[in-house]
Amino acid sequence: MMGILLSACWLMAGCSVIDDDLTDCYDDQQFQMEYQLKLVTNMTTELQTQLTTMTELSVANALETHLKDIFSDFAHDVDLSFYDTEGKMERLQHDQHIMNANQSSYTLTLPMRKYMHLAVANIADNAVVGLVNDKQGVTSMLQQTAPPVNGKGILPSHTTGLFTARQPMEVLEGVDQTFNVRLYMANSAATLVLNPKGQTFTDIKVYTTGFANDFLIKDSTYVYESTSTLIEADKVETGNDLLCFCSVNFPSKDAAPASVKKRASTNPTLWQFKVYLTKADGKVTETVLDIQEPLKAGDLKIIKGELDDDGAVRPYDSTVGVSVTLDWNNGGTYNPEL
């Protein structure tokens, strides 16, 4: 969790009454905004509980380095928008700052009135997710906008940890005000750690799916498509024989829809790993791992397993479902409905 402290120190007087449409009030109020970032995540706990052997500790160190720009209390940039509170919530003021710190302050000038304030941190250097439709508060969202990997409809992993906030605020005349705004992490990470068990192969690709594609900032609501996007997991060099693949993405759903629960004989799948292993003879084995535990914003989830003689993944967690297709034909793109 991130915290932001907005301190308003008034330097000039304004109108005697609050006028939302500003027709009778044009005096601007200047105030100081002080930003302090605080991050709360389960990453340390997940690393310490899931990666415990001497060999796995090397993986933990490599994974922590790989995710240093994701689970971090350091903000490179902040994007601040102040919207009308009526109708479609037209944007009244927009400010962008390079922070390069976990604490900074800015002087801002705004007319006296009510606002809906939306804030986004670490969007500038994220090559996968963009801030779109932000001229109006009701449509402002984070959206996965990167071009597909190799033109195959597969997106790369997010490149920064994203944080957002929404805060109603009323600027009063001649009053020292403090606005406390908390920013919450909007994305998460999923990791697959595999023991190859001496199996030989020429290639292995890992993807994740079942996650949101958009995030509506004002409502703090994720948008899920009927067919889920595939996110390419990056290979993390571990320094030993263990294989590690990590994707950074938006969260999964917290629970499956009631209709899916009714049809399922077991707990329904919320998100998946998809693994494609190319063996020495050129044949491809597809393994789909069904995860029943939600991946929430700010969380890291580690799934461990090993390869069998057919090149399939066998997870150590008995709650993870497994579906294997030998001699898989990649004639089409796999887009599961979750």
C-alpha atoms as a PDB file:
ATOM      1  CA  MET A   1       0.000   0.000   0.000  1.00  0.00           C
ATOM      2  CA  MET A   2       1.196   3.495  -0.789  1.00  0.00           C
ATOM      3  CA  GLY A   3       0.333   6.614   1.146  1.00  0.00           C
ATOM      4  CA  ILE A   4       0.170  10.174  -0.174  1.00  0.00           C
ATOM      5  CA  LEU A   5      -0.112  13.244   2.006  1.00  0.00           C
ATOM      6  CA  LEU A   6      -1.459  16.390   0.381  1.00  0.00           C
ATOM      7  CA  SER A   7      -0.880  19.474   2.556  1.00  0.00           C
ATOM      8  CA  ALA A   8      -2.754  22.603   1.493  1.00  0.00           C
ATOM      9  CA  CYS A   9      -1.143  25.852   2.684  1.00  0.00           C
ATOM     10  CA  TRP A  10      -3.200  28.756   1.384  1.00  0.00           C
ATOM     11  CA  LEU A  11      -1.257  31.764   0.117  1.00  0.00           C
ATOM     12  CA  MET A  12      -4.133  33.977  -1.077  1.00  0.00           C
ATOM     13  CA  ALA A  13      -7.818  34.555  -0.388  1.00  0.00           C
ATOM     14  CA  GLY A  14     -10.533  33.436  -2.789  1.00  0.00           C
ATOM     15  CA  CYS A  15     -14.303  33.880  -3.146  1.00  0.00           C
ATOM     16  CA  SER A  16     -16.547  34.057  -0.139  1.00  0.00           C
ATOM     17  CA  VAL A  17     -18.647  31.054  -1.178  1.00  0.00           C
ATOM     18  CA  ILE A  18     -18.043  27.790  -2.971  1.00  0.00           C
ATOM     19  CA  ASP A  19     -19.350  27.852  -6.549  1.00  0.00           C
ATOM     20  CA  ASP A  20     -18.998  24.524  -8.368  1.00  0.00           C
ATOM     21  CA  ASP A  21     -19.466  25.991 -11.850  1.00  0.00           C
ATOM     22  CA  LEU A  22     -16.913  28.748 -11.144  1.00  0.00           C
ATOM     23  CA  THR A  23     -19.119  31.414 -12.801  1.00  0.00           C
ATOM     24  CA  ASP A  24     -18.773  33.727  -9.788  1.00  0.00           C
ATOM     25  CA  CYS A  25     -15.355  32.641  -8.588  1.00  0.00           C
ATOM     26  CA  TYR A  26     -12.088  32.870 -10.508  1.00  0.00           C
ATOM     27  CA  ASP A  27      -9.559  33.279  -7.690  1.00  0.00           C
ATOM     28  CA  ASP A  28      -7.030  30.447  -7.585  1.00  0.00           C
ATOM     29  CA  GLN A  29      -5.720  28.949  -4.389  1.00  0.00           C
ATOM     30  CA  GLN A  30      -2.082  27.899  -4.223  1.00  0.00           C
ATOM     31  CA  PHE A  31      -1.098  25.026  -1.980  1.00  0.00           C
ATOM     32  CA  GLN A  32       1.634  22.516  -1.344  1.00  0.00           C
ATOM     33  CA  MET A  33       1.282  18.812  -2.127  1.00  0.00           C
ATOM     34  CA  GLU A  34       3.604  16.491  -0.240  1.00  0.00           C
ATOM     35  CA  TYR A  35       3.945  12.921  -1.533  1.00  0.00           C
ATOM     36  CA  GLN A  36       5.174  10.008   0.552  1.00  0.00           C
ATOM     37  CA  LEU A  37       5.239   6.468  -0.833  1.00  0.00           C
ATOM     38  CA  LYS A  38       4.825   3.346   1.310  1.00  0.00           C
ATOM     39  CA  LEU A  39       4.643  -0.136  -0.159  1.00  0.00           C
ATOM     40  CA  VAL A  40       3.081  -3.223   1.413  1.00  0.00           C
ATOM     41  CA  THR A  41       3.359  -6.524  -0.484  1.00  0.00           C
ATOM     42  CA  ASN A  42       3.512 -10.244   0.236  1.00  0.00           C
ATOM     43  CA  MET A  43       6.675 -10.686  -1.872  1.00  0.00           C
ATOM     44  CA  THR A  44       9.081 -11.275   1.024  1.00  0.00           C
ATOM     45  CA  THR A  45       6.713 -13.741   2.709  1.00  0.00           C
ATOM     46  CA  GLU A  46       6.105 -15.628  -0.544  1.00  0.00           C
ATOM     47  CA  LEU A  47       9.833 -15.897  -1.283  1.00  0.00           C
ATOM     48  CA  GLN A  48      10.664 -17.065   2.247  1.00  0.00           C
ATOM     49  CA  THR A  49       7.889 -19.660   2.456  1.00  0.00           C
ATOM     50  CA  GLN A  50       8.042 -21.091  -1.076  1.00  0.00           C
ATOM     51  CA  LEU A  51      11.778 -21.044  -1.844  1.00  0.00           C
ATOM     52  CA  THR A  52      13.507 -22.604   1.164  1.00  0.00           C
ATOM     53  CA  THR A  53      16.247 -25.026   0.048  1.00  0.00           C
ATOM     54  CA  MET A  54      19.817 -23.929  -0.651  1.00  0.00           C
ATOM     55  CA  THR A  55      19.242 -24.307  -4.390  1.00  0.00           C
ATOM     56  CA  GLU A  56      15.960 -22.404  -4.227  1.00  0.00           C
ATOM     57  CA  LEU A  57      17.548 -19.522  -2.290  1.00  0.00           C
ATOM     58  CA  SER A  58      19.513 -18.686  -5.424  1.00  0.00           C
ATOM     59  CA  VAL A  59      16.230 -18.542  -7.317  1.00  0.00           C
ATOM     60  CA  ALA A  60      14.733 -16.290  -4.634  1.00  0.00           C
ATOM     61  CA  ASN A  61      17.624 -13.838  -4.944  1.00  0.00           C
ATOM     62  CA  ALA A  62      17.375 -13.792  -8.734  1.00  0.00           C
ATOM     63  CA  LEU A  63      13.603 -13.315  -8.617  1.00  0.00           C
ATOM     64  CA  GLU A  64      13.857 -10.491  -6.098  1.00  0.00           C
ATOM     65  CA  THR A  65      16.320  -8.708  -8.395  1.00  0.00           C
ATOM     66  CA  HIS A  66      14.076  -9.318 -11.394  1.00  0.00           C
ATOM     67  CA  LEU A  67      11.119  -7.725  -9.584  1.00  0.00           C
ATOM     68  CA  LYS A  68      12.993  -4.786  -8.037  1.00  0.00           C
ATOM     69  CA  ASP A  69      11.160  -2.254 -10.238  1.00  0.00           C
ATOM     70  CA  ILE A  70       7.773  -3.887  -9.627  1.00  0.00           C
ATOM     71  CA  PHE A  71       7.497  -4.294  -5.853  1.00  0.00           C
ATOM     72  CA  SER A  72       9.208  -1.025  -4.954  1.00  0.00           C
ATOM     73  CA  ASP A  73       8.412   2.050  -2.860  1.00  0.00           C
ATOM     74  CA  PHE A  74      10.267   4.220  -5.405  1.00  0.00           C
ATOM     75  CA  ALA A  75       8.174   6.363  -7.733  1.00  0.00           C
ATOM     76  CA  HIS A  76       9.740   7.526 -10.966  1.00  0.00           C
ATOM     77  CA  ASP A  77       6.752   9.625 -12.051  1.00  0.00           C
ATOM     78  CA  VAL A  78       3.289  10.721 -10.932  1.00  0.00           C
ATOM     79  CA  ASP A  79       0.333  11.743 -13.091  1.00  0.00           C
ATOM     80  CA  LEU A  80      -2.266  13.880 -11.279  1.00  0.00           C
ATOM     81  CA  SER A  81      -5.707  14.767 -12.618  1.00  0.00           C
ATOM     82  CA  PHE A  82      -8.400  16.895 -10.994  1.00  0.00           C
ATOM     83  CA  TYR A  83     -11.930  16.412 -12.343  1.00  0.00           C
ATOM     84  CA  ASP A  84     -15.351  18.007 -12.110  1.00  0.00           C
ATOM     85  CA  THR A  85     -17.606  15.980  -9.837  1.00  0.00           C
ATOM     86  CA  GLU A  86     -20.656  16.278 -12.118  1.00  0.00           C
ATOM     87  CA  GLY A  87     -21.696  14.582 -15.371  1.00  0.00           C
ATOM     88  CA  LYS A  88     -18.879  12.887 -17.258  1.00  0.00           C
ATOM     89  CA  MET A  89     -16.345  14.489 -14.892  1.00  0.00           C
ATOM     90  CA  GLU A  90     -14.370  16.671 -17.298  1.00  0.00           C
ATOM     91  CA  ARG A  91     -10.732  17.168 -16.335  1.00  0.00           C
ATOM     92  CA  LEU A  92     -10.070  20.643 -14.918  1.00  0.00           C
ATOM     93  CA  GLN A  93      -6.337  20.347 -14.274  1.00  0.00           C
ATOM     94  CA  HIS A  94      -3.589  17.908 -15.188  1.00  0.00           C
ATOM     95  CA  ASP A  95      -0.101  17.775 -13.669  1.00  0.00           C
ATOM     96  CA  GLN A  96       2.810  15.414 -14.355  1.00  0.00           C
ATOM     97  CA  HIS A  97       5.999  15.255 -12.307  1.00  0.00           C
ATOM     98  CA  ILE A  98       9.193  13.226 -12.265  1.00  0.00           C
ATOM     99  CA  MET A  99       9.668  12.165  -8.649  1.00  0.00           C
ATOM    100  CA  ASN A 100      12.677   9.825  -8.648  1.00  0.00           C
ATOM    101  CA  ALA A 101      12.194   9.367  -4.910  1.00  0.00           C
ATOM    102  CA  ASN A 102       9.808   7.951  -2.343  1.00  0.00           C
ATOM    103  CA  GLN A 103       8.982  11.426  -1.028  1.00  0.00           C
ATOM    104  CA  SER A 104       8.583  14.778  -2.750  1.00  0.00           C
ATOM    105  CA  SER A 105       6.459  17.923  -2.726  1.00  0.00           C
ATOM    106  CA  TYR A 106       4.934  20.194  -5.378  1.00  0.00           C
ATOM    107  CA  THR A 107       3.170  23.549  -5.397  1.00  0.00           C
ATOM    108  CA  LEU A 108      -0.196  23.429  -7.130  1.00  0.00           C
ATOM    109  CA  THR A 109      -2.699  26.140  -7.989  1.00  0.00           C
ATOM    110  CA  LEU A 110      -6.407  25.274  -8.192  1.00  0.00           C
ATOM    111  CA  PRO A 111      -9.672  27.241  -8.052  1.00  0.00           C
ATOM    112  CA  MET A 112     -11.777  26.851  -4.925  1.00  0.00           C
ATOM    113  CA  ARG A 113     -14.380  24.079  -5.515  1.00  0.00           C
ATOM    114  CA  LYS A 114     -15.072  20.330  -5.223  1.00  0.00           C
ATOM    115  CA  TYR A 115     -12.918  17.870  -7.187  1.00  0.00           C
ATOM    116  CA  MET A 116     -12.445  14.191  -7.835  1.00  0.00           C
ATOM    117  CA  HIS A 117      -8.697  13.628  -7.781  1.00  0.00           C
ATOM    118  CA  LEU A 118      -7.207  10.624  -9.632  1.00  0.00           C
ATOM    119  CA  ALA A 119      -3.508   9.792  -9.389  1.00  0.00           C
ATOM    120  CA  VAL A 120      -1.268   7.275 -11.148  1.00  0.00           C
ATOM    121  CA  ALA A 121       2.370   6.464 -10.350  1.00  0.00           C
ATOM    122  CA  ASN A 122       5.047   4.787 -12.513  1.00  0.00           C
ATOM    123  CA  ILE A 123       3.196   4.908 -15.835  1.00  0.00           C
ATOM    124  CA  ALA A 124       5.806   6.785 -17.904  1.00  0.00           C
ATOM    125  CA  ASP A 125       8.280   3.904 -18.248  1.00  0.00           C
ATOM    126  CA  ASN A 126       5.754   1.078 -18.551  1.00  0.00           C
ATOM    127  CA  ALA A 127       5.993  -0.106 -22.145  1.00  0.00           C
ATOM    128  CA  VAL A 128       2.957  -2.390 -21.834  1.00  0.00           C
ATOM    129  CA  VAL A 129       0.296  -0.370 -19.985  1.00  0.00           C
ATOM    130  CA  GLY A 130      -0.914   3.115 -20.886  1.00  0.00           C
ATOM    131  CA  LEU A 131      -3.125   5.734 -19.238  1.00  0.00           C
ATOM    132  CA  VAL A 132      -5.993   6.226 -21.708  1.00  0.00           C
ATOM    133  CA  ASN A 133      -9.333   8.075 -21.950  1.00  0.00           C
ATOM    134  CA  ASP A 134      -8.209  10.292 -19.082  1.00  0.00           C
ATOM    135  CA  LYS A 135      -9.803  13.571 -20.186  1.00  0.00           C
ATOM    136  CA  GLN A 136     -12.898  12.460 -18.311  1.00  0.00           C
ATOM    137  CA  GLY A 137     -12.853  10.894 -14.861  1.00  0.00           C
ATOM    138  CA  VAL A 138     -15.514   8.283 -15.614  1.00  0.00           C
ATOM    139  CA  THR A 139     -13.454   6.779 -18.458  1.00  0.00           C
ATOM    140  CA  SER A 140      -9.872   7.206 -17.201  1.00  0.00           C
ATOM    141  CA  MET A 141      -8.186   3.798 -17.172  1.00  0.00           C
ATOM    142  CA  LEU A 142      -4.981   1.827 -17.267  1.00  0.00           C
ATOM    143  CA  GLN A 143      -5.020  -0.334 -20.384  1.00  0.00           C
ATOM    144  CA  GLN A 144      -2.668  -2.935 -21.817  1.00  0.00           C
ATOM    145  CA  THR A 145      -1.706  -1.276 -25.092  1.00  0.00           C
ATOM    146  CA  ALA A 146       1.614  -2.894 -26.061  1.00  0.00           C
ATOM    147  CA  PRO A 147       1.949  -4.520 -29.506  1.00  0.00           C
ATOM    148  CA  PRO A 148       1.623  -8.327 -29.437  1.00  0.00           C
ATOM    149  CA  VAL A 149       4.764 -10.437 -29.022  1.00  0.00           C
ATOM    150  CA  ASN A 150       5.919 -11.577 -32.484  1.00  0.00           C
ATOM    151  CA  GLY A 151       2.522 -10.560 -33.860  1.00  0.00           C
ATOM    152  CA  LYS A 152       0.870 -13.562 -32.170  1.00  0.00           C
ATOM    153  CA  GLY A 153      -1.637 -11.790 -29.944  1.00  0.00           C
ATOM    154  CA  ILE A 154       0.535 -12.376 -26.871  1.00  0.00           C
ATOM    155  CA  LEU A 155       1.480  -9.423 -24.672  1.00  0.00           C
ATOM    156  CA  PRO A 156       4.776  -8.950 -22.802  1.00  0.00           C
ATOM    157  CA  SER A 157       4.889  -8.586 -19.027  1.00  0.00           C
ATOM    158  CA  HIS A 158       4.366  -5.202 -17.389  1.00  0.00           C
ATOM    159  CA  THR A 159       7.634  -3.354 -16.855  1.00  0.00           C
ATOM    160  CA  THR A 160       6.832  -1.277 -13.727  1.00  0.00           C
ATOM    161  CA  GLY A 161       4.761  -1.569 -10.588  1.00  0.00           C
ATOM    162  CA  LEU A 162       1.657   0.594 -11.108  1.00  0.00           C
ATOM    163  CA  PHE A 163      -0.152   2.480  -8.348  1.00  0.00           C
ATOM    164  CA  THR A 164      -3.399   4.448  -8.423  1.00  0.00           C
ATOM    165  CA  ALA A 165      -5.655   6.478  -6.140  1.00  0.00           C
ATOM    166  CA  ARG A 166      -8.982   8.211  -6.214  1.00  0.00           C
ATOM    167  CA  GLN A 167      -9.933  10.920  -3.699  1.00  0.00           C
ATOM    168  CA  PRO A 168     -12.879  13.331  -3.459  1.00  0.00           C
ATOM    169  CA  MET A 169     -11.582  16.689  -2.275  1.00  0.00           C
ATOM    170  CA  GLU A 170     -13.074  20.113  -1.591  1.00  0.00           C
ATOM    171  CA  VAL A 171     -10.816  23.168  -1.805  1.00  0.00           C
ATOM    172  CA  LEU A 172     -11.986  25.708   0.762  1.00  0.00           C
ATOM    173  CA  GLU A 173     -11.211  29.388   1.040  1.00  0.00           C
ATOM    174  CA  GLY A 174      -8.675  30.554   3.593  1.00  0.00           C
ATOM    175  CA  VAL A 175      -8.388  27.193   5.377  1.00  0.00           C
ATOM    176  CA  ASP A 176      -5.238  25.140   5.856  1.00  0.00           C
ATOM    177  CA  GLN A 177      -6.196  21.667   4.617  1.00  0.00           C
ATOM    178  CA  THR A 178      -4.585  18.243   4.587  1.00  0.00           C
ATOM    179  CA  PHE A 179      -5.759  15.576   2.139  1.00  0.00           C
ATOM    180  CA  ASN A 180      -4.652  11.999   2.853  1.00  0.00           C
ATOM    181  CA  VAL A 181      -4.658   9.908  -0.325  1.00  0.00           C
ATOM    182  CA  ARG A 182      -3.620   6.244  -0.370  1.00  0.00           C
ATOM    183  CA  LEU A 183      -2.317   4.690  -3.579  1.00  0.00           C
ATOM    184  CA  TYR A 184      -2.862   0.974  -4.077  1.00  0.00           C
ATOM    185  CA  MET A 185      -0.839  -1.292  -6.338  1.00  0.00           C
ATOM    186  CA  ALA A 186      -2.744  -2.181  -9.503  1.00  0.00           C
ATOM    187  CA  ASN A 187      -0.699  -5.097 -10.860  1.00  0.00           C
ATOM    188  CA  SER A 188       0.837  -8.330  -9.546  1.00  0.00           C
ATOM    189  CA  ALA A 189       3.285 -11.099 -10.465  1.00  0.00           C
ATOM    190  CA  ALA A 190       3.101 -14.846 -11.106  1.00  0.00           C
ATOM    191  CA  THR A 191       6.148 -17.136 -11.082  1.00  0.00           C
ATOM    192  CA  LEU A 192       6.708 -20.748 -12.151  1.00  0.00           C
ATOM    193  CA  VAL A 193       9.781 -22.551 -10.785  1.00  0.00           C
ATOM    194  CA  LEU A 194      10.626 -25.918 -12.363  1.00  0.00           C
ATOM    195  CA  ASN A 195      13.113 -28.690 -11.632  1.00  0.00           C
ATOM    196  CA  PRO A 196      14.033 -30.097 -15.089  1.00  0.00           C
ATOM    197  CA  LYS A 197      14.994 -33.452 -13.519  1.00  0.00           C
ATOM    198  CA  GLY A 198      17.620 -33.978 -16.219  1.00  0.00           C
ATOM    199  CA  GLN A 199      15.124 -33.831 -19.083  1.00  0.00           C
ATOM    200  CA  THR A 200      16.500 -32.565 -22.397  1.00  0.00           C
ATOM    201  CA  PHE A 201      14.636 -30.065 -24.563  1.00  0.00           C
ATOM    202  CA  THR A 202      15.421 -27.428 -27.161  1.00  0.00           C
ATOM    203  CA  ASP A 203      12.980 -24.721 -26.091  1.00  0.00           C
ATOM    204  CA  ILE A 204      10.453 -23.848 -23.414  1.00  0.00           C
ATOM    205  CA  LYS A 205       7.916 -21.044 -23.418  1.00  0.00           C
ATOM    206  CA  VAL A 206       5.713 -20.052 -20.477  1.00  0.00           C
ATOM    207  CA  TYR A 207       2.604 -17.841 -20.516  1.00  0.00           C
ATOM    208  CA  THR A 208       0.008 -16.751 -17.978  1.00  0.00           C
ATOM    209  CA  THR A 209      -3.658 -16.011 -18.644  1.00  0.00           C
ATOM    210  CA  GLY A 210      -6.897 -15.253 -16.819  1.00  0.00           C
ATOM    211  CA  PHE A 211      -6.085 -11.680 -15.817  1.00  0.00           C
ATOM    212  CA  ALA A 212      -7.757  -8.304 -16.342  1.00  0.00           C
ATOM    213  CA  ASN A 213      -6.940  -6.209 -19.386  1.00  0.00           C
ATOM    214  CA  ASP A 214      -8.047  -2.774 -18.090  1.00  0.00           C
ATOM    215  CA  PHE A 215      -8.375  -0.958 -14.777  1.00  0.00           C
ATOM    216  CA  LEU A 216     -10.929   1.842 -14.312  1.00  0.00           C
ATOM    217  CA  ILE A 217      -9.238   4.252 -11.913  1.00  0.00           C
ATOM    218  CA  LYS A 218     -12.228   6.180 -10.528  1.00  0.00           C
ATOM    219  CA  ASP A 219     -14.164   3.036  -9.604  1.00  0.00           C
ATOM    220  CA  SER A 220     -11.092   0.919  -8.787  1.00  0.00           C
ATOM    221  CA  THR A 221     -12.587  -1.775 -11.029  1.00  0.00           C
ATOM    222  CA  TYR A 222     -10.842  -4.310 -13.272  1.00  0.00           C
ATOM    223  CA  VAL A 223     -12.220  -5.155 -16.708  1.00  0.00           C
ATOM    224  CA  TYR A 224     -12.036  -8.774 -17.906  1.00  0.00           C
ATOM    225  CA  GLU A 225     -12.485  -9.814 -21.517  1.00  0.00           C
ATOM    226  CA  SER A 226     -14.514 -12.901 -22.483  1.00  0.00           C
ATOM    227  CA  THR A 227     -11.310 -14.404 -23.919  1.00  0.00           C
ATOM    228  CA  SER A 228      -8.294 -13.823 -21.732  1.00  0.00           C
ATOM    229  CA  THR A 229      -5.062 -12.276 -23.021  1.00  0.00           C
ATOM    230  CA  LEU A 230      -1.877 -14.342 -22.908  1.00  0.00           C
ATOM    231  CA  ILE A 231       1.026 -12.715 -21.065  1.00  0.00           C
ATOM    232  CA  GLU A 232       4.528 -13.912 -21.896  1.00  0.00           C
ATOM    233  CA  ALA A 233       6.522 -14.851 -18.784  1.00  0.00           C
ATOM    234  CA  ASP A 234      10.148 -13.704 -18.749  1.00  0.00           C
ATOM    235  CA  LYS A 235      12.850 -16.263 -18.072  1.00  0.00           C
ATOM    236  CA  VAL A 236      14.801 -15.439 -14.915  1.00  0.00           C
ATOM    237  CA  GLU A 237      18.390 -16.687 -14.815  1.00  0.00           C
ATOM    238  CA  THR A 238      18.783 -18.592 -11.545  1.00  0.00           C
ATOM    239  CA  GLY A 239      22.485 -19.509 -11.525  1.00  0.00           C
ATOM    240  CA  ASN A 240      21.649 -23.223 -11.206  1.00  0.00           C
ATOM    241  CA  ASP A 241      19.623 -25.952 -12.933  1.00  0.00           C
ATOM    242  CA  LEU A 242      16.226 -24.712 -11.722  1.00  0.00           C
ATOM    243  CA  LEU A 243      14.082 -22.954 -14.312  1.00  0.00           C
ATOM    244  CA  CYS A 244      12.222 -19.778 -13.367  1.00  0.00           C
ATOM    245  CA  PHE A 245       9.635 -17.852 -15.398  1.00  0.00           C
ATOM    246  CA  CYS A 246       7.873 -14.717 -14.171  1.00  0.00           C
ATOM    247  CA  SER A 247       5.047 -12.583 -15.581  1.00  0.00           C
ATOM    248  CA  VAL A 248       3.831  -9.210 -14.304  1.00  0.00           C
ATOM    249  CA  ASN A 249       0.184  -8.542 -15.073  1.00  0.00           C
ATOM    250  CA  PHE A 250      -3.111  -7.269 -13.739  1.00  0.00           C
ATOM    251  CA  PRO A 251      -4.856  -9.434 -11.095  1.00  0.00           C
ATOM    252  CA  SER A 252      -7.176 -12.369 -11.666  1.00  0.00           C
ATOM    253  CA  LYS A 253     -10.811 -12.367 -10.602  1.00  0.00           C
ATOM    254  CA  ASP A 254     -11.368 -12.852  -6.878  1.00  0.00           C
ATOM    255  CA  ALA A 255     -13.876 -15.620  -7.596  1.00  0.00           C
ATOM    256  CA  ALA A 256     -15.464 -17.339 -10.548  1.00  0.00           C
ATOM    257  CA  PRO A 257     -18.982 -16.293 -11.658  1.00  0.00           C
ATOM    258  CA  ALA A 258     -21.845 -18.168  -9.991  1.00  0.00           C
ATOM    259  CA  SER A 259     -22.746 -19.885 -13.282  1.00  0.00           C
ATOM    260  CA  VAL A 260     -19.226 -21.325 -13.551  1.00  0.00           C
ATOM    261  CA  LYS A 261     -19.260 -22.450  -9.915  1.00  0.00           C
ATOM    262  CA  LYS A 262     -22.557 -24.255 -10.472  1.00  0.00           C
ATOM    263  CA  ARG A 263     -21.202 -26.183 -13.472  1.00  0.00           C
ATOM    264  CA  ALA A 264     -17.859 -27.080 -11.894  1.00  0.00           C
ATOM    265  CA  SER A 265     -17.501 -30.302  -9.917  1.00  0.00           C
ATOM    266  CA  THR A 266     -14.409 -28.882  -8.202  1.00  0.00           C
ATOM    267  CA  ASN A 267     -13.239 -25.362  -7.414  1.00  0.00           C
ATOM    268  CA  PRO A 268     -13.207 -23.423 -10.709  1.00  0.00           C
ATOM    269  CA  THR A 269     -10.045 -22.151 -12.365  1.00  0.00           C
ATOM    270  CA  LEU A 270      -9.265 -18.444 -11.878  1.00  0.00           C
ATOM    271  CA  TRP A 271      -6.013 -18.184 -13.864  1.00  0.00           C
ATOM    272  CA  GLN A 272      -3.489 -20.401 -15.617  1.00  0.00           C
ATOM    273  CA  PHE A 273       0.102 -21.100 -16.530  1.00  0.00           C
ATOM    274  CA  LYS A 274       0.586 -22.469 -20.043  1.00  0.00           C
ATOM    275  CA  VAL A 275       3.889 -24.216 -20.756  1.00  0.00           C
ATOM    276  CA  TYR A 276       5.122 -25.307 -24.193  1.00  0.00           C
ATOM    277  CA  LEU A 277       8.197 -27.526 -24.159  1.00  0.00           C
ATOM    278  CA  THR A 278       9.907 -28.500 -27.414  1.00  0.00           C
ATOM    279  CA  LYS A 279      11.656 -31.863 -27.138  1.00  0.00           C
ATOM    280  CA  ALA A 280      14.772 -32.985 -28.997  1.00  0.00           C
ATOM    281  CA  ASP A 281      12.651 -34.718 -31.659  1.00  0.00           C
ATOM    282  CA  GLY A 282      10.820 -31.443 -32.386  1.00  0.00           C
ATOM    283  CA  LYS A 283       7.534 -32.466 -30.791  1.00  0.00           C
ATOM    284  CA  VAL A 284       5.881 -29.997 -28.425  1.00  0.00           C
ATOM    285  CA  THR A 285       4.253 -30.859 -25.089  1.00  0.00           C
ATOM    286  CA  GLU A 286       1.624 -28.443 -23.814  1.00  0.00           C
ATOM    287  CA  THR A 287       0.898 -28.267 -20.071  1.00  0.00           C
ATOM    288  CA  VAL A 288      -1.921 -26.118 -18.693  1.00  0.00           C
ATOM    289  CA  LEU A 289      -1.837 -25.475 -14.945  1.00  0.00           C
ATOM    290  CA  ASP A 290      -5.179 -24.397 -13.472  1.00  0.00           C
ATOM    291  CA  ILE A 291      -4.854 -22.143 -10.417  1.00  0.00           C
ATOM    292  CA  GLN A 292      -7.851 -21.917  -8.086  1.00  0.00           C
ATOM    293  CA  GLU A 293      -6.405 -19.282  -5.741  1.00  0.00           C
ATOM    294  CA  PRO A 294      -6.909 -15.659  -6.857  1.00  0.00           C
ATOM    295  CA  LEU A 295      -3.893 -13.521  -7.711  1.00  0.00           C
ATOM    296  CA  LYS A 296      -4.633 -10.172  -6.108  1.00  0.00           C
ATOM    297  CA  ALA A 297      -3.145  -6.739  -6.728  1.00  0.00           C
ATOM    298  CA  GLY A 298       0.189  -6.322  -4.948  1.00  0.00           C
ATOM    299  CA  ASP A 299       0.717 -10.075  -4.603  1.00  0.00           C
ATOM    300  CA  LEU A 300       3.401 -12.445  -5.860  1.00  0.00           C
ATOM    301  CA  LYS A 301       2.393 -16.086  -6.362  1.00  0.00           C
ATOM    302  CA  ILE A 302       4.986 -18.851  -6.833  1.00  0.00           C
ATOM    303  CA  ILE A 303       4.049 -22.257  -8.261  1.00  0.00           C
ATOM    304  CA  LYS A 304       6.670 -25.027  -8.147  1.00  0.00           C
ATOM    305  CA  GLY A 305       6.926 -28.290 -10.047  1.00  0.00           C
ATOM    306  CA  GLU A 306       9.120 -30.578 -12.152  1.00  0.00           C
ATOM    307  CA  LEU A 307       9.325 -31.986 -15.675  1.00  0.00           C
ATOM    308  CA  ASP A 308       8.457 -35.624 -16.383  1.00  0.00           C
ATOM    309  CA  ASP A 309       9.758 -37.894 -19.152  1.00  0.00           C
ATOM    310  CA  ASP A 310       7.150 -36.582 -21.610  1.00  0.00           C
ATOM    311  CA  GLY A 311       8.175 -32.955 -21.042  1.00  0.00           C
ATOM    312  CA  ALA A 312       5.015 -32.201 -19.045  1.00  0.00           C
ATOM    313  CA  VAL A 313       4.963 -30.090 -15.888  1.00  0.00           C
ATOM    314  CA  ARG A 314       3.985 -31.862 -12.681  1.00  0.00           C
ATOM    315  CA  PRO A 315       3.154 -29.290  -9.956  1.00  0.00           C
ATOM    316  CA  TYR A 316       3.985 -29.997  -6.313  1.00  0.00           C
ATOM    317  CA  ASP A 317       0.784 -28.317  -5.113  1.00  0.00           C
ATOM    318  CA  SER A 318      -2.058 -30.855  -5.281  1.00  0.00           C
ATOM    319  CA  THR A 319      -4.655 -28.066  -5.609  1.00  0.00           C
ATOM    320  CA  VAL A 320      -3.217 -27.041  -8.991  1.00  0.00           C
ATOM    321  CA  GLY A 321      -5.035 -28.721 -11.857  1.00  0.00           C
ATOM    322  CA  VAL A 322      -3.014 -30.213 -14.738  1.00  0.00           C
ATOM    323  CA  SER A 323      -3.930 -30.792 -18.379  1.00  0.00           C
ATOM    324  CA  VAL A 324      -1.292 -32.219 -20.738  1.00  0.00           C
ATOM    325  CA  THR A 325      -1.336 -32.490 -24.526  1.00  0.00           C
ATOM    326  CA  LEU A 326       1.476 -34.518 -26.093  1.00  0.00           C
ATOM    327  CA  ASP A 327       2.613 -33.711 -29.628  1.00  0.00           C
ATOM    328  CA  TRP A 328       0.712 -30.431 -29.417  1.00  0.00           C
ATOM    329  CA  ASN A 329      -0.036 -28.713 -32.727  1.00  0.00           C
ATOM    330  CA  ASN A 330       0.372 -24.955 -32.509  1.00  0.00           C
ATOM    331  CA  GLY A 331      -1.880 -24.288 -35.478  1.00  0.00           C
ATOM    332  CA  GLY A 332      -4.004 -21.868 -33.474  1.00  0.00           C
ATOM    333  CA  THR A 333      -3.662 -19.423 -30.613  1.00  0.00           C
ATOM    334  CA  TYR A 334      -5.017 -20.642 -27.301  1.00  0.00           C
ATOM    335  CA  ASN A 335      -7.409 -18.124 -25.715  1.00  0.00           C
ATOM    336  CA  PRO A 336      -9.271 -19.775 -22.825  1.00  0.00           C
ATOM    337  CA  GLU A 337     -12.559 -18.442 -21.498  1.00  0.00           C
ATOM    338  CA  LEU A 338     -12.231 -17.989 -17.744  1.00  0.00           C
END
